[in-house]
PDB file of N, CA and C in Angstrom:
ATOM      1  N   MET A   1     143.245  79.026 102.507  1.00  0.00           N
ATOM      2  CA  MET A   1     141.887  78.579 101.923  1.00  0.00           C
ATOM      3  C   MET A   1     141.302  79.658 101.139  1.00  0.00           C
ATOM      4  N   ASN A   2     140.972  79.348  99.933  1.00  0.00           N
ATOM      5  CA  ASN A   2     140.466  80.462  99.155  1.00  0.00           C
ATOM      6  C   ASN A   2     138.920  80.602  99.161  1.00  0.00           C
ATOM      7  N   VAL A   3     138.491  81.793  99.257  1.00  0.00           N
ATOM      8  CA  VAL A   3     136.989  81.985  99.491  1.00  0.00           C
ATOM      9  C   VAL A   3     136.595  82.794  98.272  1.00  0.00           C
ATOM     10  N   ALA A   4     135.476  82.293  97.669  1.00  0.00           N
ATOM     11  CA  ALA A   4     134.944  82.952  96.458  1.00  0.00           C
ATOM     12  C   ALA A   4     134.294  84.122  96.750  1.00  0.00           C
ATOM     13  N   VAL A   5     134.459  85.269  96.132  1.00  0.00           N
ATOM     14  CA  VAL A   5     133.950  86.561  96.282  1.00  0.00           C
ATOM     15  C   VAL A   5     133.133  86.934  95.146  1.00  0.00           C
ATOM     16  N   PRO A   6     131.748  87.187  95.444  1.00  0.00           N
ATOM     17  CA  PRO A   6     130.969  87.498  94.277  1.00  0.00           C
ATOM     18  C   PRO A   6     131.405  88.645  93.605  1.00  0.00           C
ATOM     19  N   GLU A   7     131.111  88.572  92.162  1.00  0.00           N
ATOM     20  CA  GLU A   7     131.697  89.635  91.428  1.00  0.00           C
ATOM     21  C   GLU A   7     130.570  90.799  91.357  1.00  0.00           C
ATOM     22  N   MET A   8     131.008  92.025  91.570  1.00  0.00           N
ATOM     23  CA  MET A   8     130.128  93.159  91.633  1.00  0.00           C
ATOM     24  C   MET A   8     129.688  93.546  90.194  1.00  0.00           C
ATOM     25  N   VAL A   9     128.496  93.777  89.946  1.00  0.00           N
ATOM     26  CA  VAL A   9     127.855  94.127  88.772  1.00  0.00           C
ATOM     27  C   VAL A   9     127.504  95.658  88.899  1.00  0.00           C
ATOM     28  N   VAL A  10     128.215  96.446  88.098  1.00  0.00           N
ATOM     29  CA  VAL A  10     127.962  97.941  88.087  1.00  0.00           C
ATOM     30  C   VAL A  10     127.122  98.420  86.908  1.00  0.00           C
ATOM     31  N   THR A  11     126.106  99.106  87.363  1.00  0.00           N
ATOM     32  CA  THR A  11     125.010  99.489  86.408  1.00  0.00           C
ATOM     33  C   THR A  11     125.244 101.112  86.298  1.00  0.00           C
ATOM     34  N   GLU A  12     125.247 101.401  85.048  1.00  0.00           N
ATOM     35  CA  GLU A  12     125.236 102.842  84.622  1.00  0.00           C
ATOM     36  C   GLU A  12     123.993 103.393  84.557  1.00  0.00           C
ATOM     37  N   PHE A  13     123.577 104.382  85.140  1.00  0.00           N
ATOM     38  CA  PHE A  13     122.252 105.044  84.995  1.00  0.00           C
ATOM     39  C   PHE A  13     122.247 106.330  84.127  1.00  0.00           C
ATOM     40  N   LEU A  14     121.160 106.553  83.602  1.00  0.00           N
ATOM     41  CA  LEU A  14     120.973 107.851  82.841  1.00  0.00           C
ATOM     42  C   LEU A  14     119.776 108.573  83.410  1.00  0.00           C
ATOM     43  N   THR A  15     120.029 109.975  83.183  1.00  0.00           N
ATOM     44  CA  THR A  15     118.862 110.870  83.523  1.00  0.00           C
ATOM     45  C   THR A  15     117.721 110.793  82.502  1.00  0.00           C
ATOM     46  N   ARG A  16     116.657 111.340  82.710  1.00  0.00           N
ATOM     47  CA  ARG A  16     115.439 111.344  81.708  1.00  0.00           C
ATOM     48  C   ARG A  16     115.959 112.228  80.610  1.00  0.00           C
ATOM     49  N   SER A  17     116.809 113.237  80.765  1.00  0.00           N
ATOM     50  CA  SER A  17     117.124 113.902  79.564  1.00  0.00           C
ATOM     51  C   SER A  17     118.089 113.218  78.698  1.00  0.00           C
ATOM     52  N   GLU A  18     118.987 112.470  79.322  1.00  0.00           N
ATOM     53  CA  GLU A  18     119.919 111.675  78.627  1.00  0.00           C
ATOM     54  C   GLU A  18     119.308 110.487  77.770  1.00  0.00           C
ATOM     55  N   VAL A  19     118.069 110.012  78.430  1.00  0.00           N
ATOM     56  CA  VAL A  19     117.365 109.082  77.672  1.00  0.00           C
ATOM     57  C   VAL A  19     116.601 109.668  76.622  1.00  0.00           C
ATOM     58  N   SER A  20     115.967 110.868  76.873  1.00  0.00           N
ATOM     59  CA  SER A  20     115.272 111.332  75.712  1.00  0.00           C
ATOM     60  C   SER A  20     116.004 111.809  74.541  1.00  0.00           C
ATOM     61  N   THR A  21     117.388 112.195  74.669  1.00  0.00           N
ATOM     62  CA  THR A  21     118.324 112.351  73.687  1.00  0.00           C
ATOM     63  C   THR A  21     118.649 111.088  72.850  1.00  0.00           C
ATOM     64  N   LEU A  22     118.763 109.976  73.596  1.00  0.00           N
ATOM     65  CA  LEU A  22     119.148 108.686  72.964  1.00  0.00           C
ATOM     66  C   LEU A  22     117.934 108.192  72.161  1.00  0.00           C
ATOM     67  N   LEU A  23     116.720 108.324  72.550  1.00  0.00           N
ATOM     68  CA  LEU A  23     115.615 107.843  71.963  1.00  0.00           C
ATOM     69  C   LEU A  23     114.928 108.789  71.048  1.00  0.00           C
ATOM     70  N   GLY A  24     115.323 109.952  71.094  1.00  0.00           N
ATOM     71  CA  GLY A  24     114.692 111.008  70.175  1.00  0.00           C
ATOM     72  C   GLY A  24     113.284 111.362  70.511  1.00  0.00           C
ATOM     73  N   VAL A  25     112.904 111.292  71.854  1.00  0.00           N
ATOM     74  CA  VAL A  25     111.596 111.587  72.343  1.00  0.00           C
ATOM     75  C   VAL A  25     111.670 112.707  73.309  1.00  0.00           C
ATOM     76  N   SER A  26     110.643 113.379  73.836  1.00  0.00           N
ATOM     77  CA  SER A  26     110.702 114.570  74.784  1.00  0.00           C
ATOM     78  C   SER A  26     110.955 113.935  76.081  1.00  0.00           C
ATOM     79  N   PRO A  27     111.586 114.690  77.023  1.00  0.00           N
ATOM     80  CA  PRO A  27     111.800 114.282  78.452  1.00  0.00           C
ATOM     81  C   PRO A  27     110.357 113.927  79.066  1.00  0.00           C
ATOM     82  N   ASN A  28     109.283 114.657  78.701  1.00  0.00           N
ATOM     83  CA  ASN A  28     108.046 114.209  79.240  1.00  0.00           C
ATOM     84  C   ASN A  28     107.551 112.911  78.917  1.00  0.00           C
ATOM     85  N   THR A  29     107.748 112.494  77.503  1.00  0.00           N
ATOM     86  CA  THR A  29     107.583 111.083  77.056  1.00  0.00           C
ATOM     87  C   THR A  29     108.259 110.140  77.883  1.00  0.00           C
ATOM     88  N   VAL A  30     109.538 110.239  78.211  1.00  0.00           N
ATOM     89  CA  VAL A  30     110.365 109.448  78.983  1.00  0.00           C
ATOM     90  C   VAL A  30     109.712 109.196  80.298  1.00  0.00           C
ATOM     91  N   THR A  31     109.198 110.239  81.065  1.00  0.00           N
ATOM     92  CA  THR A  31     108.644 110.168  82.319  1.00  0.00           C
ATOM     93  C   THR A  31     107.427 109.447  82.299  1.00  0.00           C
ATOM     94  N   ARG A  32     106.502 109.784  81.222  1.00  0.00           N
ATOM     95  CA  ARG A  32     105.229 109.157  81.111  1.00  0.00           C
ATOM     96  C   ARG A  32     105.481 107.597  81.060  1.00  0.00           C
ATOM     97  N   TRP A  33     106.401 107.242  80.001  1.00  0.00           N
ATOM     98  CA  TRP A  33     106.713 105.808  79.788  1.00  0.00           C
ATOM     99  C   TRP A  33     107.200 105.145  81.149  1.00  0.00           C
ATOM    100  N   ALA A  34     107.918 105.822  81.860  1.00  0.00           N
ATOM    101  CA  ALA A  34     108.356 105.316  83.317  1.00  0.00           C
ATOM    102  C   ALA A  34     107.154 105.180  84.206  1.00  0.00           C
ATOM    103  N   ARG A  35     106.292 106.067  84.269  1.00  0.00           N
ATOM    104  CA  ARG A  35     105.082 105.987  85.091  1.00  0.00           C
ATOM    105  C   ARG A  35     104.182 104.818  84.720  1.00  0.00           C
ATOM    106  N   GLU A  36     104.002 104.653  83.370  1.00  0.00           N
ATOM    107  CA  GLU A  36     103.243 103.644  82.784  1.00  0.00           C
ATOM    108  C   GLU A  36     103.922 102.293  82.821  1.00  0.00           C
ATOM    109  N   GLY A  37     105.089 102.172  83.259  1.00  0.00           N
ATOM    110  CA  GLY A  37     105.828 100.911  83.467  1.00  0.00           C
ATOM    111  C   GLY A  37     106.431 100.380  82.088  1.00  0.00           C
ATOM    112  N   ARG A  38     106.367 101.192  81.033  1.00  0.00           N
ATOM    113  CA  ARG A  38     106.784 100.753  79.810  1.00  0.00           C
ATOM    114  C   ARG A  38     108.430 100.906  79.711  1.00  0.00           C
ATOM    115  N   LEU A  39     109.008 101.664  80.654  1.00  0.00           N
ATOM    116  CA  LEU A  39     110.368 101.901  80.779  1.00  0.00           C
ATOM    117  C   LEU A  39     110.813 101.700  82.171  1.00  0.00           C
ATOM    118  N   PRO A  40     111.511 100.582  82.424  1.00  0.00           N
ATOM    119  CA  PRO A  40     111.853 100.419  83.967  1.00  0.00           C
ATOM    120  C   PRO A  40     112.743 101.372  84.456  1.00  0.00           C
ATOM    121  N   CYS A  41     112.624 101.845  85.730  1.00  0.00           N
ATOM    122  CA  CYS A  41     113.553 102.779  86.302  1.00  0.00           C
ATOM    123  C   CYS A  41     113.643 102.824  87.807  1.00  0.00           C
ATOM    124  N   GLN A  42     114.553 103.415  88.201  1.00  0.00           N
ATOM    125  CA  GLN A  42     114.742 103.553  89.602  1.00  0.00           C
ATOM    126  C   GLN A  42     114.379 105.050  90.073  1.00  0.00           C
ATOM    127  N   VAL A  43     113.696 105.206  91.097  1.00  0.00           N
ATOM    128  CA  VAL A  43     113.510 106.641  91.585  1.00  0.00           C
ATOM    129  C   VAL A  43     114.276 107.024  92.728  1.00  0.00           C
ATOM    130  N   THR A  44     114.956 108.035  92.607  1.00  0.00           N
ATOM    131  CA  THR A  44     115.879 108.539  93.846  1.00  0.00           C
ATOM    132  C   THR A  44     115.080 109.076  95.019  1.00  0.00           C
ATOM    133  N   LEU A  45     115.727 109.248  95.929  1.00  0.00           N
ATOM    134  CA  LEU A  45     115.024 109.843  97.154  1.00  0.00           C
ATOM    135  C   LEU A  45     114.401 111.176  96.902  1.00  0.00           C
ATOM    136  N   GLY A  46     114.905 111.974  95.975  1.00  0.00           N
ATOM    137  CA  GLY A  46     114.568 113.260  95.437  1.00  0.00           C
ATOM    138  C   GLY A  46     113.348 113.081  94.531  1.00  0.00           C
ATOM    139  N   GLY A  47     112.925 111.885  94.213  1.00  0.00           N
ATOM    140  CA  GLY A  47     111.996 111.787  93.190  1.00  0.00           C
ATOM    141  C   GLY A  47     112.186 111.760  91.716  1.00  0.00           C
ATOM    142  N   HIS A  48     113.492 111.838  91.409  1.00  0.00           N
ATOM    143  CA  HIS A  48     114.072 111.785  90.067  1.00  0.00           C
ATOM    144  C   HIS A  48     114.066 110.393  89.488  1.00  0.00           C
ATOM    145  N   HIS A  49     113.892 110.138  88.309  1.00  0.00           N
ATOM    146  CA  HIS A  49     113.916 108.907  87.652  1.00  0.00           C
ATOM    147  C   HIS A  49     115.347 108.761  87.155  1.00  0.00           C
ATOM    148  N   ARG A  50     115.816 107.462  87.192  1.00  0.00           N
ATOM    149  CA  ARG A  50     117.145 107.013  86.665  1.00  0.00           C
ATOM    150  C   ARG A  50     116.875 105.667  85.914  1.00  0.00           C
ATOM    151  N   PHE A  51     117.598 105.571  84.794  1.00  0.00           N
ATOM    152  CA  PHE A  51     117.347 104.533  83.885  1.00  0.00           C
ATOM    153  C   PHE A  51     118.460 103.791  83.592  1.00  0.00           C
ATOM    154  N   ASP A  52     118.451 102.438  83.524  1.00  0.00           N
ATOM    155  CA  ASP A  52     119.480 101.504  83.220  1.00  0.00           C
ATOM    156  C   ASP A  52     119.989 101.669  81.768  1.00  0.00           C
ATOM    157  N   ARG A  53     121.178 102.096  81.653  1.00  0.00           N
ATOM    158  CA  ARG A  53     121.780 102.346  80.281  1.00  0.00           C
ATOM    159  C   ARG A  53     121.452 101.075  79.379  1.00  0.00           C
ATOM    160  N   GLU A  54     121.783  99.850  79.875  1.00  0.00           N
ATOM    161  CA  GLU A  54     121.691  98.777  79.114  1.00  0.00           C
ATOM    162  C   GLU A  54     120.255  98.545  78.500  1.00  0.00           C
ATOM    163  N   LEU A  55     119.195  98.677  79.410  1.00  0.00           N
ATOM    164  CA  LEU A  55     117.824  98.670  79.113  1.00  0.00           C
ATOM    165  C   LEU A  55     117.340  99.740  78.000  1.00  0.00           C
ATOM    166  N   VAL A  56     117.973 100.898  78.232  1.00  0.00           N
ATOM    167  CA  VAL A  56     117.514 101.954  77.115  1.00  0.00           C
ATOM    168  C   VAL A  56     118.272 101.565  75.929  1.00  0.00           C
ATOM    169  N   GLU A  57     119.367 101.217  75.855  1.00  0.00           N
ATOM    170  CA  GLU A  57     120.107 100.674  74.632  1.00  0.00           C
ATOM    171  C   GLU A  57     119.163  99.683  73.829  1.00  0.00           C
ATOM    172  N   GLN A  58     118.767  98.738  74.646  1.00  0.00           N
ATOM    173  CA  GLN A  58     117.888  97.544  74.048  1.00  0.00           C
ATOM    174  C   GLN A  58     116.753  98.200  73.530  1.00  0.00           C
ATOM    175  N   LEU A  59     116.058  99.125  74.136  1.00  0.00           N
ATOM    176  CA  LEU A  59     114.737  99.799  73.668  1.00  0.00           C
ATOM    177  C   LEU A  59     115.146 100.613  72.456  1.00  0.00           C
ATOM    178  N   ARG A  60     116.291 101.330  72.412  1.00  0.00           N
ATOM    179  CA  ARG A  60     116.593 102.046  71.256  1.00  0.00           C
ATOM    180  C   ARG A  60     116.760 101.197  69.956  1.00  0.00           C
ATOM    181  N   LYS A  61     117.337  99.957  70.139  1.00  0.00           N
ATOM    182  CA  LYS A  61     117.535  99.071  69.046  1.00  0.00           C
ATOM    183  C   LYS A  61     116.164  98.513  68.692  1.00  0.00           C
ATOM    184  N   SER A  62     115.227  98.262  69.441  1.00  0.00           N
ATOM    185  CA  SER A  62     113.975  97.718  69.162  1.00  0.00           C
ATOM    186  C   SER A  62     113.251  98.773  68.444  1.00  0.00           C
ATOM    187  N   LEU A  63     113.347 100.075  68.831  1.00  0.00           N
ATOM    188  CA  LEU A  63     112.643 101.224  68.093  1.00  0.00           C
ATOM    189  C   LEU A  63     113.156 101.557  66.759  1.00  0.00           C
ATOM    190  N   TYR A  64     114.353 101.232  66.445  1.00  0.00           N
ATOM    191  CA  TYR A  64     115.066 101.469  65.204  1.00  0.00           C
ATOM    192  C   TYR A  64     114.342 101.054  63.965  1.00  0.00           C
ATOM    193  N   ARG A  65     114.167 101.841  63.127  1.00  0.00           N
ATOM    194  CA  ARG A  65     113.504 101.451  61.752  1.00  0.00           C
ATOM    195  C   ARG A  65     114.458 101.999  60.724  1.00  0.00           C
ATOM    196  N   PRO A  66     114.836 101.107  59.778  1.00  0.00           N
ATOM    197  CA  PRO A  66     115.683 101.444  58.654  1.00  0.00           C
ATOM    198  C   PRO A  66     115.223 102.858  57.993  1.00  0.00           C
ATOM    199  N   GLY A  67     116.156 103.611  57.605  1.00  0.00           N
ATOM    200  CA  GLY A  67     115.873 104.912  56.986  1.00  0.00           C
ATOM    201  C   GLY A  67     115.697 106.026  58.079  1.00  0.00           C
ATOM    202  N   THR A  68     115.631 105.752  59.322  1.00  0.00           N
ATOM    203  CA  THR A  68     115.456 106.691  60.361  1.00  0.00           C
ATOM    204  C   THR A  68     116.790 106.836  61.256  1.00  0.00           C
ATOM    205  N   ARG A  69     117.070 107.887  61.678  1.00  0.00           N
ATOM    206  CA  ARG A  69     117.995 108.283  62.693  1.00  0.00           C
ATOM    207  C   ARG A  69     117.624 108.518  64.033  1.00  0.00           C
ATOM    208  N   LEU A  70     118.205 107.946  65.000  1.00  0.00           N
ATOM    209  CA  LEU A  70     117.810 108.068  66.397  1.00  0.00           C
ATOM    210  C   LEU A  70     118.849 109.062  67.207  1.00  0.00           C
ATOM    211  N   ASP A  71     119.882 109.513  66.422  1.00  0.00           N
ATOM    212  CA  ASP A  71     121.026 110.203  67.130  1.00  0.00           C
ATOM    213  C   ASP A  71     121.178 111.416  66.631  1.00  0.00           C
TER     214      ASP A  71
END
């Protein structure tokens, strides 16, 4: 008998420093956005913010303006 096993979804998380580099903003801005609920995140037991890479990439694309560089 075959039993269906749910597929695991692995999420890659980024630090605030990595997010700030990708978005071209300061680490303090990333933290402020997280606290304001503008940038979803997970908070570790140590109080550090971790951000879903896919959501950050979506935000990066939405912030893109022709003629500017974010990297």
